[in-house]
Amino acid sequence: MEATCGGSGMSENKTPTDGGAAFPVAHSYLIQPGMSLRDYLAAKAMQALAQGGNYFDATARQAYMIADAMLREREK
């Protein structure tokens, strides 16, 4: 799954909103906003999931499923 940068809705691949920048900054000279909140949440979920074994593809999928669920819950 590809995450879009910016959090302005759905990408062409119909991925869920990415939540915007994980670590936004107010500097006008900054060109790269960094990772999305979705990617950050998935990385945190992956840390916990990876402790259970070496099924990397499944772990990555599960991590993004958790991140997407967290973003949906956040919008409520």
Protein backbone atom coordinates (compact mmCIF):
# COMPACT_ATOMS: atom_id res chain seq x y z
CA MET A 1 0.00 0.00 0.00
CA GLU A 2 1.21 3.46 -0.80
CA ALA A 3 0.58 6.33 1.56
CA THR A 4 0.08 9.78 0.22
CA CYS A 5 2.02 12.71 1.67
CA GLY A 6 -0.13 15.48 3.00
CA GLY A 7 -3.32 13.85 4.26
CA SER A 8 -5.73 15.51 1.86
CA GLY A 9 -8.02 12.56 1.24
CA MET A 10 -7.74 9.45 -0.87
CA SER A 11 -4.90 8.71 -3.27
CA GLU A 12 -5.36 7.18 -6.71
CA ASN A 13 -4.93 3.75 -5.08
CA LYS A 14 -7.87 4.53 -2.75
CA THR A 15 -5.73 4.31 0.34
CA PRO A 16 -7.25 5.86 3.45
CA THR A 17 -6.36 9.34 4.60
CA ASP A 18 -2.80 9.32 5.88
CA GLY A 19 -3.45 11.67 8.79
CA GLY A 20 -1.11 14.41 7.59
CA ALA A 21 2.45 14.90 8.77
CA ALA A 22 3.53 12.92 11.82
CA PHE A 23 5.83 15.70 12.99
CA PRO A 24 4.64 18.97 11.42
CA VAL A 25 6.87 22.00 11.55
CA ALA A 26 6.07 25.67 11.03
CA HIS A 27 9.18 26.61 9.04
CA SER A 28 8.29 28.03 5.63
CA TYR A 29 11.63 26.93 4.15
CA LEU A 30 10.98 23.23 4.81
CA ILE A 31 10.31 21.42 1.54
CA GLN A 32 9.91 17.82 2.78
CA PRO A 33 7.20 17.34 5.42
CA GLY A 34 8.52 13.90 6.40
CA MET A 35 6.53 10.77 7.05
CA SER A 36 2.77 10.73 7.30
CA LEU A 37 1.00 9.98 10.55
CA ARG A 38 -0.22 6.74 8.91
CA ASP A 39 3.35 5.63 8.23
CA TYR A 40 4.40 6.55 11.78
CA LEU A 41 1.51 4.57 13.32
CA ALA A 42 2.26 1.60 11.06
CA ALA A 43 5.92 1.68 12.08
CA LYS A 44 4.96 1.67 15.76
CA ALA A 45 2.52 -1.21 15.21
CA MET A 46 5.16 -3.09 13.24
CA GLN A 47 7.57 -2.89 16.18
CA ALA A 48 5.11 -4.81 18.32
CA LEU A 49 4.07 -7.25 15.59
CA ALA A 50 7.65 -8.06 14.53
CA GLN A 51 8.41 -9.53 17.92
CA GLY A 52 6.13 -12.45 17.07
CA GLY A 53 8.10 -13.92 14.16
CA ASN A 54 9.68 -13.35 10.77
CA TYR A 55 6.62 -13.04 8.54
CA PHE A 56 7.58 -9.66 7.17
CA ASP A 57 4.99 -9.26 4.39
CA ALA A 58 2.13 -10.25 6.69
CA THR A 59 3.54 -8.08 9.49
CA ALA A 60 3.71 -5.05 7.17
CA ARG A 61 0.11 -5.61 6.01
CA GLN A 62 -1.10 -5.96 9.59
CA ALA A 63 0.80 -2.86 10.67
CA TYR A 64 -0.97 -0.74 8.03
CA MET A 65 -4.32 -2.32 8.92
CA ILE A 66 -3.75 -1.23 12.53
CA ALA A 67 -2.63 2.25 11.44
CA ASP A 68 -5.72 2.62 9.22
CA ALA A 69 -7.98 1.53 12.09
CA MET A 70 -6.29 4.06 14.40
CA LEU A 71 -6.83 6.85 11.86
CA ARG A 72 -10.51 5.88 11.39
CA GLU A 73 -11.03 5.92 15.15
CA ARG A 74 -9.27 9.29 15.38
CA GLU A 75 -11.78 10.81 12.92
CA LYS A 76 -14.81 9.85 15.06
